[in-house]
Amino acid sequence: MNRKIQMTKRFIRLALFECLKEKDINKITISSLCEKADINRSTFYKYYGSQYDVIKEMEQEVIQLINEQLNDQPKETSFIQLLQFLKSNKETIKIFFECNVDNEFPKQVLALDSINNQLEQVSQNDPYIKNYILFGSLATIQQWIDAGCIKSCEEIANIINHIVGKLVN
């Protein structure tokens, strides 16, 4: 991808990110997005079909980045590494969690191979237990992010592990 395309996409993303701080994605128009990004509508449509396409691309890039970082870590520390990544990018992650385009982003975060393998082991391959752990963990992580990540990553990991331990024992 050439530099001009990268810059244009970056302006669009930054504009969307700023708009999402103020209002729900469903209330953001392409016109307002283009105005904020200082581009023409035709330029926007050259790269994206809608504001939802922009957010999906951004989410996929973050998922890929998390996955790359977790793959370089020992499996035992991958959950804490995930929490550290989320904490260091909490403003972006909070917007993704709140965006509610299709609620896939939070699920994809915990569906990464290194995290999913841990979930499989703990849940003993029972899909009901796995979903309970998955959605309970997501709710806990979202509450932590909404609260500004005041507790440490280790504290949150311990809380989730403690609850999961009580559930499966």
Protein backbone atom coordinates (compact mmCIF):
# COMPACT_ATOMS: atom_id res chain seq x y z
CA MET A 1 0.00 0.00 0.00
CA ASN A 2 1.48 3.34 -0.97
CA ARG A 3 2.01 6.24 1.42
CA LYS A 4 -0.86 8.35 0.16
CA ILE A 5 -3.34 5.53 0.72
CA GLN A 6 -1.90 4.88 4.18
CA MET A 7 -2.22 8.56 5.11
CA THR A 8 -5.78 8.80 3.79
CA LYS A 9 -6.82 5.70 5.72
CA ARG A 10 -5.10 7.05 8.80
CA PHE A 11 -7.05 10.32 8.55
CA ILE A 12 -10.30 8.38 8.18
CA ARG A 13 -9.49 6.21 11.19
CA LEU A 14 -8.50 9.15 13.35
CA ALA A 15 -11.67 10.96 12.37
CA LEU A 16 -13.80 7.93 13.21
CA PHE A 17 -11.99 7.48 16.50
CA GLU A 18 -12.68 11.10 17.43
CA CYS A 19 -16.33 10.78 16.42
CA LEU A 20 -16.71 7.61 18.50
CA LYS A 21 -15.59 9.51 21.59
CA GLU A 22 -18.63 11.76 21.15
CA LYS A 23 -21.36 9.52 19.77
CA ASP A 24 -22.46 6.04 18.88
CA ILE A 25 -21.26 4.60 15.57
CA ASN A 26 -24.87 4.36 14.36
CA LYS A 27 -25.16 8.15 14.60
CA ILE A 28 -21.96 8.90 12.69
CA THR A 29 -22.61 9.83 9.08
CA ILE A 30 -20.15 9.40 6.27
CA SER A 31 -20.49 13.12 5.55
CA SER A 32 -19.48 14.09 9.08
CA LEU A 33 -16.65 11.57 9.01
CA CYS A 34 -15.35 12.93 5.71
CA GLU A 35 -15.61 16.49 6.96
CA LYS A 36 -13.62 15.64 10.09
CA ALA A 37 -11.01 13.72 8.03
CA ASP A 38 -10.92 16.55 5.47
CA ILE A 39 -11.55 14.23 2.52
CA ASN A 40 -14.21 13.84 -0.16
CA ARG A 41 -16.94 11.23 0.10
CA SER A 42 -15.65 9.60 -3.07
CA THR A 43 -12.25 9.20 -1.42
CA PHE A 44 -13.88 7.55 1.57
CA TYR A 45 -15.84 5.14 -0.63
CA LYS A 46 -12.68 4.31 -2.55
CA TYR A 47 -11.41 2.49 0.57
CA TYR A 48 -14.49 1.71 2.68
CA GLY A 49 -18.16 0.97 2.21
CA SER A 50 -19.25 2.35 5.57
CA GLN A 51 -18.08 3.51 8.97
CA TYR A 52 -18.58 -0.09 10.11
CA ASP A 53 -15.98 -1.28 7.61
CA VAL A 54 -13.48 1.17 9.07
CA ILE A 55 -14.03 -0.03 12.62
CA LYS A 56 -13.89 -3.69 11.57
CA GLU A 57 -10.55 -3.13 9.83
CA MET A 58 -9.20 -1.36 12.92
CA GLU A 59 -10.40 -4.16 15.18
CA GLN A 60 -8.83 -6.83 12.98
CA GLU A 61 -5.50 -5.03 13.05
CA VAL A 62 -5.60 -4.82 16.84
CA ILE A 63 -6.50 -8.53 17.07
CA GLN A 64 -3.57 -9.35 14.78
CA LEU A 65 -1.23 -7.18 16.87
CA ILE A 66 -2.36 -8.84 20.11
CA ASN A 67 -1.96 -12.27 18.53
CA GLU A 68 1.58 -11.47 17.37
CA GLN A 69 2.54 -10.25 20.84
CA LEU A 70 1.03 -13.27 22.57
CA ASN A 71 2.72 -15.72 20.22
CA ASP A 72 6.09 -14.42 21.39
CA GLN A 73 5.25 -15.09 25.05
CA PRO A 74 5.17 -18.28 27.13
CA LYS A 75 1.63 -19.68 27.26
CA GLU A 76 1.53 -19.41 31.07
CA THR A 77 1.86 -15.62 30.93
CA SER A 78 -0.30 -14.98 27.87
CA PHE A 79 -3.37 -13.90 29.86
CA ILE A 80 -1.41 -11.31 31.83
CA GLN A 81 0.27 -10.18 28.59
CA LEU A 82 -3.18 -9.76 27.06
CA LEU A 83 -4.32 -7.67 30.02
CA GLN A 84 -1.17 -5.55 29.80
CA PHE A 85 -1.84 -4.91 26.11
CA LEU A 86 -5.46 -3.97 26.84
CA LYS A 87 -4.36 -1.65 29.66
CA SER A 88 -1.72 0.09 27.57
CA ASN A 89 -4.32 0.66 24.83
CA LYS A 90 -7.32 1.16 27.12
CA GLU A 91 -8.77 4.20 25.33
CA THR A 92 -8.89 2.38 22.00
CA ILE A 93 -10.04 -0.90 23.54
CA LYS A 94 -12.81 0.84 25.49
CA ILE A 95 -14.13 2.37 22.28
CA PHE A 96 -14.01 -1.03 20.55
CA PHE A 97 -15.81 -2.70 23.46
CA GLU A 98 -18.47 0.02 23.52
CA CYS A 99 -18.86 0.28 19.77
CA ASN A 100 -21.30 -2.63 19.67
CA VAL A 101 -21.16 -3.08 15.92
CA ASP A 102 -21.59 -6.81 16.26
CA ASN A 103 -20.00 -7.59 19.64
CA GLU A 104 -17.38 -9.75 17.95
CA PHE A 105 -14.31 -7.80 19.01
CA PRO A 106 -14.43 -8.69 22.73
CA LYS A 107 -15.05 -12.35 21.87
CA GLN A 108 -12.19 -12.38 19.37
CA VAL A 109 -9.82 -11.06 22.02
CA LEU A 110 -10.38 -14.14 24.19
CA ALA A 111 -10.65 -16.48 21.21
CA LEU A 112 -6.98 -16.04 20.29
CA ASP A 113 -5.16 -19.37 20.21
CA SER A 114 -3.04 -18.88 23.31
CA ILE A 115 -6.02 -17.74 25.41
CA ASN A 116 -8.44 -20.21 23.85
CA ASN A 117 -6.11 -23.14 24.62
CA GLN A 118 -6.11 -22.13 28.29
CA LEU A 119 -9.92 -21.87 28.24
CA GLU A 120 -10.18 -25.34 26.67
CA GLN A 121 -8.03 -26.86 29.42
CA VAL A 122 -9.87 -25.18 32.26
CA SER A 123 -13.35 -25.90 30.90
CA GLN A 124 -12.47 -29.54 30.19
CA ASN A 125 -13.90 -29.04 26.67
CA ASP A 126 -17.42 -28.46 28.02
CA PRO A 127 -18.87 -25.74 25.74
CA TYR A 128 -21.25 -24.47 28.45
CA ILE A 129 -18.50 -24.03 31.01
CA LYS A 130 -16.24 -22.50 28.35
CA ASN A 131 -18.89 -19.92 27.38
CA TYR A 132 -19.59 -19.11 31.02
CA ILE A 133 -15.90 -18.53 31.65
CA LEU A 134 -15.50 -16.58 28.38
CA PHE A 135 -18.39 -14.19 28.95
CA GLY A 136 -17.70 -13.82 32.67
CA SER A 137 -14.07 -12.98 31.89
CA LEU A 138 -15.15 -10.50 29.21
CA ALA A 139 -17.54 -8.77 31.63
CA THR A 140 -14.80 -8.56 34.26
CA ILE A 141 -12.28 -7.18 31.75
CA GLN A 142 -14.79 -4.66 30.42
CA GLN A 143 -15.62 -3.50 33.95
CA TRP A 144 -11.89 -3.14 34.65
CA ILE A 145 -11.36 -1.10 31.46
CA ASP A 146 -14.44 1.06 32.18
CA ALA A 147 -13.02 1.76 35.65
CA GLY A 148 -9.76 2.99 34.10
CA CYS A 149 -7.66 -0.14 34.73
CA ILE A 150 -7.02 0.92 38.30
CA LYS A 151 -6.31 -2.61 39.51
CA SER A 152 -3.14 -4.20 38.20
CA CYS A 153 -3.18 -6.79 35.43
CA GLU A 154 -2.04 -9.40 37.93
CA GLU A 155 -4.93 -8.55 40.29
CA ILE A 156 -7.49 -8.92 37.49
CA ALA A 157 -5.91 -12.18 36.33
CA ASN A 158 -6.02 -13.47 39.92
CA ILE A 159 -9.67 -12.46 40.32
CA ILE A 160 -10.65 -14.23 37.10
CA ASN A 161 -8.52 -17.29 37.95
CA HIS A 162 -10.03 -17.43 41.45
CA ILE A 163 -13.59 -17.35 40.08
CA VAL A 164 -12.77 -19.90 37.36
CA GLY A 165 -11.11 -22.13 39.96
CA LYS A 166 -14.25 -22.13 42.10
CA LEU A 167 -16.38 -22.87 39.04
CA VAL A 168 -14.49 -25.89 37.78
CA ASN A 169 -13.64 -27.49 41.15
